[in-house]
Amino acid sequence: MAIIEFFYDIQCPWAYIASRKIKLVAQRTNATVKYTPVLLGGIYQAVNAPQGKDGSATDVMSPAKKRLTSASLARTVDTYKLPLNFHPNHPVRTVNALRLLHAVDQTYRPQLTDALYHEYWVKNSDISSEQTLLEIVKSLNFPFKVSPSVFQDAKYQNALRDQTSRVVELGAPGVPYFQVRKDENDKNGPVFWGQDRTMFVEASFLALQSGLDPLDWEKTPNLASILESRVKQPMPNVAKGRKLTFYFDFSSPWAYIGFTQLWRFKALGCEIEYVPVVVGPLFQAVGTPAIPLNAMSESKRRCLLEDMSNWTRFWRAIMKQAGHDARKVDETIQVNWPDNFPIRSIAALRIAQLNPAIIDCVYKAAWVDNINLSDKAVLIKLLNDNGFDGETLAKEADANKGNVKERMFENNKRAIQAGCCGVPSYQIDGGEVLFGQDQYHVIEDSLTASAKL
């Protein structure tokens, strides 16, 4: 029987959210969820995370990204009606709580997990205290007693250590982490990191239920039903008169994926404002490494690259099931890492500022066809091949037509002042910045907030 394994630490607010979301997945799919506590600090130590074993992922974020992450957390707990009060002593040591969880059978572990999350993230209790933990167990009226010796029992110490090592071997850079398996003996099921990837967890489980490979999402029936936005069907013109600003750079694969999904928002009737920015100076201004992937642990880097593949796989499936031309979808919804990276995109961005119609072919050239945009002659040929006058556009950009160079500088300044930390970033009617192509559901829900579904 197919199962979902949920790896978590009580210390992580995102895992707290995931504990609620994975229950909803189980309710919709009748999935069996296996709860596996792991030590987040042990993962960080094993993967050489830059924040260290006792740190938080936010410790190494730029102030701009930290603000956007905090806003995203607040939106998410509000969406799922989860009470959350940050513990004044966060992070509180959770090793005893995790050993206690390993001492409790799977039958009772979900209930104890919920209670521990509530004590930490709502009541701000000291769950490092053995006495507090024993009182929590007692309050649940389990048909067994837990001895104080459980915290020093080598069996549960080893269980926590072994499962932490195991999740690291599975590729986890942190928690929450999930594996979807066809049965208990399956060691190779797909893995996913993050509470906002429970959608992929559900897609893989539904695929297994349909007798498919867990990543064969194109054949998984009614995939749109698991989208996190409330928009499941076309709603033309519901967002007419609204404006979505899209900050992008051709050098970002994530911005390319975001660009391929702008059709979702156009279908609602909103105007798209394209704002090209040069992401290198943006990173420098907000305190982000020039190439963020290079500053990550190897585990996190591998995980994000796999995540990129999952997003393109998912959007291909969604678009084909929605009736888009399958051949065109296959040709465009993919990411192939270019031979020349990082991409020097300034020439292409200036031309895009002059003529946004080129964005489509330039993005595809960069991230699908491995065309070197850094070479101006290659860029000109690309534009010519796609029906544009490449020579004229390049000359106009070089000659600063329409003050395009100053406008690009102003674009970066605007992005920084708005609070962007990278691309893709979005604003609806000049409101708060939303960072990342995975914020599609927030955008759709905001654009359709006044509509009856």
Foldseek 3Di string as FASTA:
>chain_A
DKAKEWEDFLQDLQSLLLLVVVVVLCVVQVHHYFYAYAQQLLLCCVLVFVQHSQGDPCVQDFPLVNVQVVVVSVVSCVVVVHQFDAQPPPPADCLLVNLVLLVDDRVCSSVLSNLSNCCCGPVNHRNVDLVVSQVSVVVVVDPDHDDSCSSVDVVSVVSRVVVNVVVVVVLDSGDGKMFIALDPPGPDGDMAHTSLCVLLVSLLNQQVVVVHHSLQSLPRPLSLVSDPAPDSDQAAQLLAPKEKEWEDFLLDPQQLLLVVPCVNVVSNHYHYHYQYADFQVLQVVRVAPSDNLVSGRPSVNVNVVVVLVSSLSSVLSVCVVVPPDNVVSVLRSAFDAAPDPSAPGPLVSLLCVVPVVCVRQSSSCVGRVNFRNNDLVSVLVSQVVVPHRSVVSSVCSVVCPVVSVVSNVVSSVVCVVLSDNGPGWMDMRSDHINHTSSCVNVVVCVSNVVPDD
